[in-house]
C-alpha atoms as a PDB file:
ATOM      1  CA  MET A   1     -30.458-116.197  -1.162  1.00  0.00           C
ATOM      2  CA  GLY A   2     -26.961-115.280  -0.081  1.00  0.00           C
ATOM      3  CA  LYS A   3     -25.608-112.953   2.549  1.00  0.00           C
ATOM      4  CA  PHE A   4     -24.796-109.262   2.286  1.00  0.00           C
ATOM      5  CA  CYS A   5     -22.188-107.204   4.117  1.00  0.00           C
ATOM      6  CA  GLY A   6     -23.430-103.716   4.841  1.00  0.00           C
ATOM      7  CA  TYR A   7     -25.237-101.270   7.078  1.00  0.00           C
ATOM      8  CA  LEU A   8     -28.906-101.623   8.003  1.00  0.00           C
ATOM      9  CA  LEU A   9     -31.535 -98.965   7.335  1.00  0.00           C
ATOM     10  CA  GLY A  10     -35.078 -99.026   8.663  1.00  0.00           C
ATOM     11  CA  GLU A  11     -37.968 -98.007   6.427  1.00  0.00           C
ATOM     12  CA  GLU A  12     -38.991 -95.212   8.791  1.00  0.00           C
ATOM     13  CA  TRP A  13     -35.476 -93.770   8.660  1.00  0.00           C
ATOM     14  CA  LEU A  14     -35.619 -93.825   4.838  1.00  0.00           C
ATOM     15  CA  PHE A  15     -39.092 -92.210   4.809  1.00  0.00           C
ATOM     16  CA  GLN A  16     -37.835 -89.450   7.117  1.00  0.00           C
ATOM     17  CA  ARG A  17     -34.836 -88.858   4.862  1.00  0.00           C
ATOM     18  CA  GLY A  18     -37.234 -88.609   1.926  1.00  0.00           C
ATOM     19  CA  VAL A  19     -39.210 -85.927   3.796  1.00  0.00           C
ATOM     20  CA  GLU A  20     -35.967 -84.045   4.493  1.00  0.00           C
ATOM     21  CA  LEU A  21     -35.270 -84.155   0.749  1.00  0.00           C
ATOM     22  CA  GLY A  22     -38.659 -82.567   0.041  1.00  0.00           C
ATOM     23  CA  HIS A  23     -40.787 -85.613  -0.735  1.00  0.00           C
ATOM     24  CA  PRO A  24     -44.146 -86.265   0.939  1.00  0.00           C
ATOM     25  CA  ARG A  25     -44.594 -89.317   3.170  1.00  0.00           C
ATOM     26  CA  PRO A  26     -45.655 -92.329   1.092  1.00  0.00           C
ATOM     27  CA  LYS A  27     -49.351 -93.094   0.727  1.00  0.00           C
ATOM     28  CA  THR A  28     -49.128 -96.257  -1.358  1.00  0.00           C
ATOM     29  CA  GLU A  29     -46.772 -99.220  -1.681  1.00  0.00           C
ATOM     30  CA  GLY A  30     -45.469 -97.712  -4.919  1.00  0.00           C
ATOM     31  CA  ASP A  31     -44.822 -94.382  -3.187  1.00  0.00           C
ATOM     32  CA  ALA A  32     -42.961 -96.202  -0.418  1.00  0.00           C
ATOM     33  CA  MET A  33     -40.628 -97.986  -2.841  1.00  0.00           C
ATOM     34  CA  GLU A  34     -39.961 -94.756  -4.716  1.00  0.00           C
ATOM     35  CA  ILE A  35     -39.038 -92.903  -1.506  1.00  0.00           C
ATOM     36  CA  ILE A  36     -36.873 -95.802  -0.304  1.00  0.00           C
ATOM     37  CA  CYS A  37     -34.948 -95.835  -3.594  1.00  0.00           C
ATOM     38  CA  LEU A  38     -34.614 -92.036  -3.771  1.00  0.00           C
ATOM     39  CA  ALA A  39     -33.515 -91.650  -0.150  1.00  0.00           C
ATOM     40  CA  SER A  40     -30.991 -94.488  -0.273  1.00  0.00           C
ATOM     41  CA  ARG A  41     -29.590 -93.336  -3.623  1.00  0.00           C
ATOM     42  CA  ASN A  42     -29.150 -89.805  -2.253  1.00  0.00           C
ATOM     43  CA  LEU A  43     -27.321 -91.141   0.823  1.00  0.00           C
ATOM     44  CA  ARG A  44     -25.076 -93.400  -1.251  1.00  0.00           C
ATOM     45  CA  ILE A  45     -24.189 -90.585  -3.657  1.00  0.00           C
ATOM     46  CA  LYS A  46     -23.607 -88.073  -0.837  1.00  0.00           C
ATOM     47  CA  THR A  47     -21.216 -90.451   0.958  1.00  0.00           C
ATOM     48  CA  GLY A  48     -19.412 -91.517  -2.237  1.00  0.00           C
ATOM     49  CA  VAL A  49     -20.340 -95.215  -2.088  1.00  0.00           C
ATOM     50  CA  TYR A  50     -22.968 -95.276  -4.851  1.00  0.00           C
ATOM     51  CA  THR A  51     -20.814 -96.884  -7.544  1.00  0.00           C
ATOM     52  CA  TYR A  52     -19.799 -99.912  -5.484  1.00  0.00           C
ATOM     53  CA  THR A  53     -22.834-100.624  -3.280  1.00  0.00           C
ATOM     54  CA  LYS A  54     -26.357-101.917  -3.787  1.00  0.00           C
ATOM     55  CA  LEU A  55     -29.562-101.595  -1.790  1.00  0.00           C
ATOM     56  CA  ARG A  56     -30.809-105.013  -0.732  1.00  0.00           C
ATOM     57  CA  ARG A  57     -33.470-106.438   1.606  1.00  0.00           C
ATOM     58  CA  VAL A  58     -32.049-108.489   4.508  1.00  0.00           C
ATOM     59  CA  LYS A  59     -33.096-109.974   7.815  1.00  0.00           C
ATOM     60  CA  THR A  60     -31.359-110.244  11.145  1.00  0.00           C
ATOM     61  CA  LEU A  61     -30.862-113.420  13.160  1.00  0.00           C
ATOM     62  CA  GLN A  62     -33.979-112.384  15.103  1.00  0.00           C
ATOM     63  CA  GLY A  63     -35.970-112.386  11.845  1.00  0.00           C
ATOM     64  CA  LYS A  64     -36.450-108.604  11.562  1.00  0.00           C
ATOM     65  CA  ARG A  65     -36.318-107.244   8.015  1.00  0.00           C
ATOM     66  CA  TYR A  66     -34.344-104.161   7.054  1.00  0.00           C
ATOM     67  CA  TRP A  67     -32.886-102.487   4.012  1.00  0.00           C
ATOM     68  CA  CYS A  68     -29.133-102.838   3.677  1.00  0.00           C
ATOM     69  CA  ILE A  69     -26.585-100.757   1.813  1.00  0.00           C
ATOM     70  CA  ALA A  70     -24.442-103.685   0.762  1.00  0.00           C
ATOM     71  CA  PHE A  71     -20.725-103.528   0.002  1.00  0.00           C
ATOM     72  CA  ALA A  72     -20.257-107.279  -0.524  1.00  0.00           C
ATOM     73  CA  ALA A  73     -22.280-110.434  -1.151  1.00  0.00           C
ATOM     74  CA  THR A  74     -21.688-114.161  -1.057  1.00  0.00           C
ATOM     75  CA  ASP A  75     -23.594-114.640  -4.329  1.00  0.00           C
ATOM     76  CA  PRO A  76     -21.420-113.757  -7.355  1.00  0.00           C
ATOM     77  CA  TRP A  77     -24.570-112.929  -9.369  1.00  0.00           C
ATOM     78  CA  GLU A  78     -24.914-109.798  -7.242  1.00  0.00           C
ATOM     79  CA  GLN A  79     -21.766-108.422  -8.929  1.00  0.00           C
ATOM     80  CA  LEU A  80     -20.389-107.208  -5.609  1.00  0.00           C
ATOM     81  CA  PRO A  81     -17.109-108.219  -3.957  1.00  0.00           C
ATOM     82  CA  THR A  82     -17.283-111.388  -1.867  1.00  0.00           C
ATOM     83  CA  THR A  83     -15.193-109.981   0.982  1.00  0.00           C
ATOM     84  CA  ALA A  84     -15.880-107.203   3.470  1.00  0.00           C
ATOM     85  CA  PRO A  85     -14.790-103.719   2.351  1.00  0.00           C
ATOM     86  CA  LEU A  86     -11.727-101.826   3.484  1.00  0.00           C
ATOM     87  CA  GLU A  87     -12.307 -99.064   6.047  1.00  0.00           C
ATOM     88  CA  GLU A  88     -11.701 -96.275   3.544  1.00  0.00           C
ATOM     89  CA  GLU A  89     -14.548 -97.666   1.414  1.00  0.00           C
ATOM     90  CA  TYR A  90     -17.178 -97.477   4.164  1.00  0.00           C
ATOM     91  CA  ILE A  91     -16.014 -94.754   6.584  1.00  0.00           C
ATOM     92  CA  ALA A  92     -18.087 -91.908   5.060  1.00  0.00           C
ATOM     93  CA  LEU A  93     -21.287 -93.969   5.130  1.00  0.00           C
ATOM     94  CA  LYS A  94     -20.535 -95.185   8.651  1.00  0.00           C
ATOM     95  CA  GLU A  95     -20.161 -91.597   9.853  1.00  0.00           C
ATOM     96  CA  ALA A  96     -23.291 -90.381   8.030  1.00  0.00           C
ATOM     97  CA  LEU A  97     -25.343 -93.179   9.623  1.00  0.00           C
ATOM     98  CA  LYS A  98     -23.637 -92.724  13.023  1.00  0.00           C
ATOM     99  CA  LYS A  99     -22.858 -96.450  13.178  1.00  0.00           C
ATOM    100  CA  ASP A 100     -20.314 -98.169  15.380  1.00  0.00           C
ATOM    101  CA  GLY A 101     -17.906-100.579  13.769  1.00  0.00           C
ATOM    102  CA  PRO A 102     -17.527-101.991  10.287  1.00  0.00           C
ATOM    103  CA  PRO A 103     -20.372-103.305   8.102  1.00  0.00           C
ATOM    104  CA  ARG A 104     -21.795-106.669   9.174  1.00  0.00           C
ATOM    105  CA  TRP A 105     -23.098-109.718   7.306  1.00  0.00           C
ATOM    106  CA  PHE A 106     -26.854-110.341   7.059  1.00  0.00           C
ATOM    107  CA  ARG A 107     -28.963-112.963   5.291  1.00  0.00           C
ATOM    108  CA  GLY A 108     -30.778-111.756   2.177  1.00  0.00           C
ATOM    109  CA  THR A 109     -34.540-112.175   1.873  1.00  0.00           C
END
């Protein structure tokens, strides 16, 4: 598995966003995946990055797993750029997530 350049999202954050969008908290694994996909898609559309990002599962150097809105990947099969994005491509998402700095690289799971 390659690496992804993007911003991390925790599952709880995605579940809370789903609630804010009018969905109930997940009760099953299937519900959880549906909420994760709906919440992340809504965020990506709202910030204008939907067409050139993908939602991927990654882990940090400490081994913690997160969801990642990825702008780039080292694996060409992902059909994403292989270099980090320009600031104008990520600024809206960065502001919506209240993140500091540009997207970072994380190992895929």
